Protein backbone atom coordinates (compact mmCIF):
# COMPACT_ATOMS: atom_id res chain seq x y z
CA UNK A 1 0.02 -0.01 0.02
CA UNK A 2 2.10 2.95 -1.28
CA UNK A 3 -0.13 5.58 0.33
CA UNK A 4 0.33 3.96 3.76
CA UNK A 5 4.11 3.87 3.37
CA UNK A 6 4.08 7.56 2.27
CA UNK A 7 1.96 8.59 5.26
CA UNK A 8 4.26 6.75 7.64
CA UNK A 9 7.50 8.08 6.16
CA UNK A 10 6.35 11.69 6.02
CA UNK A 11 4.88 11.78 9.59
CA UNK A 12 6.90 12.37 12.70
CA UNK A 13 7.28 9.61 15.28
CA UNK A 14 5.26 11.69 17.79
CA UNK A 15 2.49 12.14 15.19
CA UNK A 16 2.42 8.46 14.33
CA UNK A 17 2.23 7.49 17.95
CA UNK A 18 -0.69 9.86 18.53
CA UNK A 19 -2.43 8.57 15.40
CA UNK A 20 -2.32 4.90 16.44
CA UNK A 21 -3.29 5.61 19.97
CA UNK A 22 -6.23 7.84 18.83
CA UNK A 23 -7.48 5.21 16.44
CA UNK A 24 -6.92 2.40 19.00
CA UNK A 25 -5.03 0.26 16.54
CA UNK A 26 -2.93 -2.22 18.52
CA UNK A 27 0.85 -1.66 18.14
CA UNK A 28 3.85 -3.88 18.75
CA UNK A 29 6.31 -2.70 21.29
CA UNK A 30 7.83 0.45 19.83
CA UNK A 31 10.75 2.65 20.78
CA UNK A 32 9.50 6.03 19.50
CA UNK A 33 12.77 7.76 20.44
CA UNK A 34 14.67 5.91 17.70
CA UNK A 35 15.63 7.60 14.46
CA UNK A 36 12.54 8.48 12.33
CA UNK A 37 13.68 6.21 9.49
CA UNK A 38 13.96 3.28 11.93
CA UNK A 39 10.48 3.90 13.41
CA UNK A 40 9.03 4.14 9.90
CA UNK A 41 10.69 0.93 8.74
CA UNK A 42 9.40 -1.04 11.77
CA UNK A 43 5.86 0.29 11.29
CA UNK A 44 5.84 -0.44 7.55
CA UNK A 45 6.97 -4.01 8.19
CA UNK A 46 4.36 -4.40 10.95
CA UNK A 47 1.45 -3.20 8.76
CA UNK A 48 1.29 -6.60 7.02
CA UNK A 49 0.50 -8.19 10.40
CA UNK A 50 -2.60 -6.09 11.01
CA UNK A 51 -6.11 -7.51 10.87
CA UNK A 52 -7.89 -6.90 7.54
CA UNK A 53 -10.18 -4.38 9.20
CA UNK A 54 -7.39 -2.35 10.86
CA UNK A 55 -5.36 -2.45 7.64
CA UNK A 56 -8.31 -1.13 5.62
CA UNK A 57 -8.96 1.65 8.18
CA UNK A 58 -5.28 2.63 8.11
CA UNK A 59 -5.34 2.78 4.29
CA UNK A 60 -8.50 4.99 4.13
CA UNK A 61 -7.07 7.29 6.82
CA UNK A 62 -3.72 7.54 5.02
CA UNK A 63 -5.46 8.32 1.71
CA UNK A 64 -7.49 11.15 3.17
CA UNK A 65 -4.60 12.66 5.22
CA UNK A 66 -2.10 12.38 2.34
CA UNK A 67 -4.53 13.89 -0.18
CA UNK A 68 -4.90 17.02 1.97
CA UNK A 69 -1.11 17.44 2.29
CA UNK A 70 -0.74 18.85 -1.19
CA UNK A 71 -0.87 22.62 -2.01
CA UNK A 72 -4.62 22.69 -2.75
CA UNK A 73 -5.40 20.66 0.40
CA UNK A 74 -3.25 22.83 2.59
CA UNK A 75 -5.01 25.97 1.34
CA UNK A 76 -8.35 24.34 2.09
CA UNK A 77 -7.26 23.29 5.60
CA UNK A 78 -6.00 26.80 6.45
CA UNK A 79 -9.29 28.18 5.12
CA UNK A 80 -11.34 25.81 7.36
CA UNK A 81 -9.65 26.28 10.76
CA UNK A 82 -9.95 29.33 13.07
CA UNK A 83 -6.31 29.26 14.35
CA UNK A 84 -4.26 29.14 11.13
CA UNK A 85 -1.18 30.40 13.12
CA UNK A 86 -1.07 27.15 15.08
CA UNK A 87 -0.98 25.13 11.92
CA UNK A 88 1.72 27.24 10.35
CA UNK A 89 4.07 26.38 13.21
CA UNK A 90 3.83 22.67 12.52
CA UNK A 91 6.82 21.06 10.83
CA UNK A 92 5.21 19.76 7.62
CA UNK A 93 2.10 19.62 5.49
CA UNK A 94 1.50 15.98 6.50
CA UNK A 95 1.66 16.94 10.24
CA UNK A 96 -0.89 19.69 9.73
CA UNK A 97 -3.21 17.40 7.80
CA UNK A 98 -2.89 14.55 10.34
CA UNK A 99 -3.48 16.89 13.32
CA UNK A 100 -6.74 18.33 11.96
CA UNK A 101 -7.91 14.91 10.87
CA UNK A 102 -7.61 13.71 14.45
CA UNK A 103 -8.55 16.80 16.47
CA UNK A 104 -11.04 18.64 14.24
CA UNK A 105 -12.69 16.01 12.03
CA UNK A 106 -15.63 18.33 11.11
CA UNK A 107 -13.21 21.03 9.98
CA UNK A 108 -11.20 18.39 8.05
CA UNK A 109 -14.30 17.24 6.18
CA UNK A 110 -15.21 20.87 5.32
CA UNK A 111 -11.68 21.34 4.07
CA UNK A 112 -12.13 18.22 1.90
CA UNK A 113 -15.30 19.82 0.51
CA UNK A 114 -13.42 23.05 -0.19
CA UNK A 115 -10.64 21.12 -1.91
CA UNK A 116 -13.18 19.21 -4.01
CA UNK A 117 -14.74 22.52 -5.13
CA UNK A 118 -11.33 24.21 -5.82
CA UNK A 119 -9.95 21.22 -7.63
CA UNK A 120 -12.72 21.17 -10.16
CA UNK A 121 -13.20 24.93 -10.33
CA UNK A 122 -13.17 26.01 -13.97
CA UNK A 123 -12.87 22.37 -15.00
CA UNK A 124 -15.26 20.34 -17.10
CA UNK A 125 -17.64 19.65 -14.24
CA UNK A 126 -17.92 23.31 -13.36
CA UNK A 127 -20.23 26.18 -14.39
CA UNK A 128 -20.35 29.71 -13.20
CA UNK A 129 -23.53 31.84 -13.11
CA UNK A 130 -24.31 35.47 -12.45
CA UNK A 131 -27.17 37.13 -10.57
CA UNK A 132 -27.37 40.64 -9.24
CA UNK A 133 -25.02 41.45 -6.36
CA UNK A 134 -25.93 41.59 -2.68
CA UNK A 135 -28.88 39.15 -2.69
CA UNK A 136 -29.08 37.67 0.80
CA UNK A 137 -28.79 33.91 1.24
CA UNK A 138 -31.72 32.37 3.07
CA UNK A 139 -30.36 29.21 4.74
CA UNK A 140 -33.06 28.84 7.42
CA UNK A 141 -34.57 25.34 7.79
CA UNK A 142 -37.70 26.24 5.78
CA UNK A 143 -35.73 27.56 2.78
CA UNK A 144 -33.30 24.58 2.98
CA UNK A 145 -36.17 22.13 2.96
CA UNK A 146 -37.70 23.89 -0.11
CA UNK A 147 -34.32 23.65 -1.87
CA UNK A 148 -34.04 19.91 -0.88
CA UNK A 149 -37.48 19.29 -2.28
CA UNK A 150 -36.43 20.87 -5.62
CA UNK A 151 -33.34 18.79 -5.77
CA UNK A 152 -35.29 15.60 -5.10
CA UNK A 153 -37.65 16.44 -7.96
CA UNK A 154 -34.95 17.24 -10.51
CA UNK A 155 -33.06 14.12 -11.33
CA UNK A 156 -35.24 11.10 -10.51
CA UNK A 157 -32.72 9.77 -7.95
CA UNK A 158 -33.24 8.65 -4.38
CA UNK A 159 -35.35 10.42 -1.78
CA UNK A 160 -32.54 11.27 0.66
CA UNK A 161 -30.86 14.67 0.29
CA UNK A 162 -28.52 16.31 2.75
CA UNK A 163 -27.39 20.00 2.47
CA UNK A 164 -24.39 21.31 4.43
CA UNK A 165 -23.66 25.09 4.17
CA UNK A 166 -20.45 26.65 5.55
CA UNK A 167 -18.52 29.88 5.09
CA UNK A 168 -15.26 30.05 3.26
CA UNK A 169 -13.20 32.49 1.13
CA UNK A 170 -12.64 32.51 -2.63
CA UNK A 171 -10.28 34.43 -4.94
CA UNK A 172 -12.29 36.83 -7.12
CA UNK A 173 -11.39 37.64 -10.74
CA UNK A 174 -8.64 39.99 -9.51
CA UNK A 175 -7.11 37.47 -7.13
CA UNK A 176 -8.55 39.15 -4.00
CA UNK A 177 -10.05 37.00 -1.26
CA UNK A 178 -13.80 37.42 -0.84
CA UNK A 179 -16.24 35.80 1.63
CA UNK A 180 -18.52 33.13 0.13
CA UNK A 181 -20.83 30.34 1.31
CA UNK A 182 -20.35 26.84 0.08
CA UNK A 183 -23.15 24.25 0.09
CA UNK A 184 -22.39 20.54 -0.25
CA UNK A 185 -25.45 18.70 -1.59
CA UNK A 186 -25.49 14.99 -1.07
CA UNK A 187 -28.19 12.96 -2.83
CA UNK A 188 -28.92 9.24 -2.60
CA UNK A 189 -28.77 7.50 -5.93
CA UNK A 190 -30.81 4.65 -7.28
CA UNK A 191 -30.04 1.24 -5.82
CA UNK A 192 -27.24 -0.81 -7.38
CA UNK A 193 -25.95 -4.37 -6.72
CA UNK A 194 -22.45 -5.71 -6.35
CA UNK A 195 -20.91 -9.12 -5.69
CA UNK A 196 -19.13 -10.15 -2.48
CA UNK A 197 -17.70 -13.34 -1.05
CA UNK A 198 -19.68 -14.87 1.76
CA UNK A 199 -17.36 -17.31 3.50
CA UNK A 200 -14.64 -19.03 1.47
CA UNK A 201 -16.56 -20.16 -1.62
CA UNK A 202 -20.04 -18.59 -1.77
CA UNK A 203 -20.65 -15.45 -3.84
CA UNK A 204 -23.72 -13.34 -3.14
CA UNK A 205 -25.03 -9.93 -4.29
CA UNK A 206 -25.52 -6.99 -2.00
CA UNK A 207 -27.56 -3.85 -2.62
CA UNK A 208 -26.06 -0.39 -2.12
CA UNK A 209 -27.36 3.16 -2.56
CA UNK A 210 -24.54 5.34 -3.94
CA UNK A 211 -24.41 9.02 -2.93
CA UNK A 212 -23.93 11.76 -5.48
CA UNK A 213 -22.37 15.03 -4.38
CA UNK A 214 -22.72 18.50 -5.84
CA UNK A 215 -20.97 21.68 -4.66
CA UNK A 216 -22.36 25.22 -4.82
CA UNK A 217 -20.53 28.35 -3.90
CA UNK A 218 -22.22 31.76 -3.68
CA UNK A 219 -20.49 35.14 -3.22
CA UNK A 220 -23.10 37.74 -2.39
CA UNK A 221 -20.74 40.63 -3.01
CA UNK A 222 -20.37 39.79 -6.68
CA UNK A 223 -23.57 37.76 -7.33
CA UNK A 224 -21.53 34.76 -8.41
CA UNK A 225 -22.97 31.28 -8.23
CA UNK A 226 -20.60 28.31 -9.02
CA UNK A 227 -21.84 24.80 -9.39
CA UNK A 228 -19.82 21.58 -9.64
CA UNK A 229 -21.80 18.55 -10.90
CA UNK A 230 -21.26 15.86 -13.49
CA UNK A 231 -23.47 17.20 -16.28
CA UNK A 232 -23.99 20.73 -17.55
CA UNK A 233 -27.81 20.43 -17.72
CA UNK A 234 -27.74 19.23 -14.06
CA UNK A 235 -25.55 22.23 -13.04
CA UNK A 236 -28.04 24.64 -14.65
CA UNK A 237 -30.98 23.06 -12.90
CA UNK A 238 -29.14 23.16 -9.52
CA UNK A 239 -28.30 26.80 -10.10
CA UNK A 240 -31.92 27.67 -10.80
CA UNK A 241 -33.18 25.72 -7.80
CA UNK A 242 -30.61 27.52 -5.62
CA UNK A 243 -31.63 30.93 -6.96
CA UNK A 244 -35.32 30.29 -6.50
CA UNK A 245 -35.26 28.61 -3.11
CA UNK A 246 -32.31 30.23 -1.25
CA UNK A 247 -32.00 33.65 -2.95
CA UNK A 248 -35.78 33.99 -3.29
CA UNK A 249 -35.30 35.18 -6.83
CA UNK A 250 -37.72 33.60 -9.43
CA UNK A 251 -35.50 33.22 -12.38
CA UNK A 252 -38.33 33.25 -14.92
CA UNK A 253 -39.48 36.68 -13.76
CA UNK A 254 -36.06 38.12 -13.04
CA UNK A 255 -35.16 41.29 -15.03
CA UNK A 256 -31.49 40.31 -14.65
CA UNK A 257 -31.56 36.64 -15.61
CA UNK A 258 -29.28 34.02 -14.34
CA UNK A 259 -26.19 34.23 -16.48
CA UNK A 260 -23.60 31.69 -17.46
CA UNK A 261 -20.26 32.47 -19.09
CA UNK A 262 -18.55 29.69 -20.96
CA UNK A 263 -15.12 30.05 -22.61
CA UNK A 264 -14.90 26.45 -23.86
CA UNK A 265 -16.13 27.36 -27.37
CA UNK A 266 -12.93 29.42 -27.78
CA UNK A 267 -10.82 26.22 -27.47
CA UNK A 268 -11.94 25.22 -30.98
CA UNK A 269 -10.86 27.24 -33.98
CA UNK A 270 -14.43 28.13 -34.95
CA UNK A 271 -14.98 31.53 -36.76
CA UNK A 272 -16.23 34.43 -34.70
CA UNK A 273 -18.72 35.70 -37.29
CA UNK A 274 -20.66 38.99 -37.26
CA UNK A 275 -23.39 40.90 -39.15
CA UNK A 276 -22.30 43.40 -41.80
CA UNK A 277 -24.95 45.99 -40.66
CA UNK A 278 -23.04 46.37 -37.33
CA UNK A 279 -20.10 47.99 -39.11
CA UNK A 280 -17.57 45.50 -37.83
CA UNK A 281 -14.36 45.13 -39.84
CA UNK A 282 -12.75 42.18 -37.92
CA UNK A 283 -12.97 40.07 -34.83
CA UNK A 284 -9.93 38.49 -33.27
CA UNK A 285 -9.21 36.36 -30.21
CA UNK A 286 -6.05 37.95 -28.91
CA UNK A 287 -5.55 36.29 -25.47
CA UNK A 288 -6.54 33.19 -23.62
CA UNK A 289 -5.50 31.99 -20.20
CA UNK A 290 -5.66 28.24 -19.51
CA UNK A 291 -5.68 26.42 -16.20
CA UNK A 292 -3.80 23.14 -15.88
CA UNK A 293 -6.46 20.82 -14.45
CA UNK A 294 -3.72 18.83 -12.65
CA UNK A 295 -3.23 21.98 -10.49
CA UNK A 296 0.34 22.61 -11.68
CA UNK A 297 -0.14 26.16 -13.08
CA UNK A 298 -1.52 28.26 -15.87
CA UNK A 299 -0.56 29.02 -19.48
CA UNK A 300 -1.36 32.33 -21.16
CA UNK A 301 -1.22 32.79 -24.97
CA UNK A 302 -1.30 36.28 -26.48
CA UNK A 303 -1.02 37.40 -30.10
CA UNK A 304 -0.61 41.05 -31.17
CA UNK A 305 -3.71 42.63 -32.75
CA UNK A 306 -1.78 43.28 -36.00
CA UNK A 307 -0.54 39.68 -36.21
CA UNK A 308 -2.00 38.04 -39.33
CA UNK A 309 -1.61 34.63 -37.63
CA UNK A 310 -4.61 33.59 -35.47
CA UNK A 311 -4.14 32.67 -31.88
CA UNK A 312 -5.04 29.03 -32.66
CA UNK A 313 -2.50 28.90 -35.50
CA UNK A 314 0.18 30.48 -33.32
CA UNK A 315 -0.47 28.04 -30.49
CA UNK A 316 -0.23 25.08 -32.84
CA UNK A 317 2.94 26.44 -34.46
CA UNK A 318 4.58 27.18 -31.08
CA UNK A 319 3.49 24.13 -29.03
CA UNK A 320 2.99 21.43 -31.68
CA UNK A 321 1.90 18.18 -30.11
CA UNK A 322 1.91 19.79 -26.65
CA UNK A 323 -0.67 22.41 -27.72
CA UNK A 324 -2.78 23.15 -24.63
CA UNK A 325 -5.62 24.40 -26.82
CA UNK A 326 -6.05 20.77 -27.96
CA UNK A 327 -5.48 19.13 -24.63
CA UNK A 328 -8.12 17.77 -22.32
CA UNK A 329 -5.84 18.69 -19.39
CA UNK A 330 -6.37 22.45 -19.82
CA UNK A 331 -9.52 24.59 -19.33
CA UNK A 332 -9.94 28.27 -20.23
CA UNK A 333 -10.36 30.77 -17.39
CA UNK A 334 -9.89 34.12 -19.14
CA UNK A 335 -9.95 35.49 -22.67
CA UNK A 336 -9.81 38.80 -24.59
CA UNK A 337 -11.57 39.36 -27.91
CA UNK A 338 -10.91 42.45 -30.05
CA UNK A 339 -13.68 43.80 -32.22
CA UNK A 340 -12.61 46.46 -34.73
CA UNK A 341 -15.17 48.72 -36.44
CA UNK A 342 -14.88 50.45 -39.82
CA UNK A 343 -14.06 54.12 -39.60
CA UNK A 344 -17.15 56.37 -39.26
CA UNK A 345 -18.03 57.65 -42.77
CA UNK A 346 -14.76 56.16 -43.97
CA UNK A 347 -12.72 58.86 -42.27
CA UNK A 348 -10.01 58.28 -39.66
CA UNK A 349 -9.40 55.08 -37.71
CA UNK A 350 -12.10 52.73 -36.75
CA UNK A 351 -12.95 52.22 -33.04
CA UNK A 352 -11.91 49.08 -31.28
CA UNK A 353 -14.03 47.29 -28.66
CA UNK A 354 -11.88 45.01 -26.46
CA UNK A 355 -13.94 42.54 -24.46
CA UNK A 356 -12.26 40.69 -21.57
CA UNK A 357 -14.01 37.67 -20.02
CA UNK A 358 -12.95 36.10 -16.76
CA UNK A 359 -14.64 33.00 -15.27
CA UNK A 360 -16.85 32.79 -13.41
CA UNK A 361 -18.59 36.14 -13.94
CA UNK A 362 -16.07 38.77 -15.03
CA UNK A 363 -16.86 40.86 -18.14
CA UNK A 364 -15.65 44.34 -18.65
CA UNK A 365 -18.59 45.31 -20.88
CA UNK A 366 -20.31 46.59 -17.73
CA UNK A 367 -18.15 49.67 -17.83
CA UNK A 368 -18.85 50.46 -21.48
CA UNK A 369 -21.45 52.58 -23.21
CA UNK A 370 -24.96 51.14 -23.76
CA UNK A 371 -24.25 50.72 -27.48
CA UNK A 372 -20.95 48.93 -26.88
CA UNK A 373 -22.58 46.70 -24.26
CA UNK A 374 -25.45 45.70 -26.56
CA UNK A 375 -23.12 44.90 -29.42
CA UNK A 376 -20.74 42.97 -27.20
CA UNK A 377 -23.47 40.93 -25.46
CA UNK A 378 -25.15 40.21 -28.87
CA UNK A 379 -22.04 38.48 -30.10
CA UNK A 380 -21.07 36.80 -26.85
CA UNK A 381 -24.43 35.08 -27.01
CA UNK A 382 -23.88 34.22 -30.73
CA UNK A 383 -20.52 32.70 -30.12
CA UNK A 384 -21.83 30.59 -27.24
CA UNK A 385 -19.88 32.49 -24.53
CA UNK A 386 -22.90 33.97 -22.70
CA UNK A 387 -26.12 32.26 -21.92
CA UNK A 388 -29.09 33.70 -20.07
CA UNK A 389 -31.18 31.14 -18.26
CA UNK A 390 -34.70 30.97 -16.86
CA UNK A 391 -36.30 33.29 -19.46
């Protein structure tokens, strides 16, 4: 079990001793004062002697603790606890993860939920939506029950639904930390069967009810709703149910409809077309920022406005087989599109409308004139980058 060996090798002798005592897993006689490598070697050799139940429990614990020891997990743990200074004084990421797992299990689980949300943020199971800012969140029992009833009715799954809201922080489109509320939605799935051994020779089937989880984050200050779920249609329905039940905003009657920005269409080299009567001379994708879905970093691709080579052609020429625009391991998080108009009456230089989109809800058209905003939004809809829901 590689994850168990990793957990043991990266945890201090004191931390390991506390873990096994806390979990009441029987230990052989141990000299915890020996060199860490010697303690680790003895424990790793001894794991094979554990009962199947204790060995399985150790593996599950090691997987959860180790997973939260990476950069994303550590950020989520620091976000979840009230005394981050205490954690920062600990010797390693594994020590911090282990300590919270043992001493603050509820905080640890909330951190796992935060990590789940952040890991898939802007990925293929994520959608961002926009409502007007400063709408209060109603998370009283009556409103939560209304929301749960809507979720039950949506997908034809099981009748059990659990909703867990908690506060957290999120980076906004400028990288600043803002306060948000995250809701984890757990829904029982339809029954399924699986085979197990019963005794040494007999095989029998057992029934299980899998649990599906969805994550929702809501930042009142910006009016941003983010949903993580397996299917886009499901994400949209969840966002609508959330808006109606917990924001008390009927989407069908809302003057500012629920909005969804989507930069995925820009990953294909489809033409950004326009209508001649709008006086547009050219449209060019001049910048795109991509997130590495493995969490290793970002890639930004820019082309000058006067460059005759398109951004897609440039990316293919520069990256070749490693082109992130054609990789399933990258997802777009920001883009800039340049719309150039013909000169007025053929005199002088034509105006340029530069539109910057940042997921989940950033669009600098808000600061433009009414005419520019109408033109920009018209084409964002046409190109599949902006969708208004619930109309």
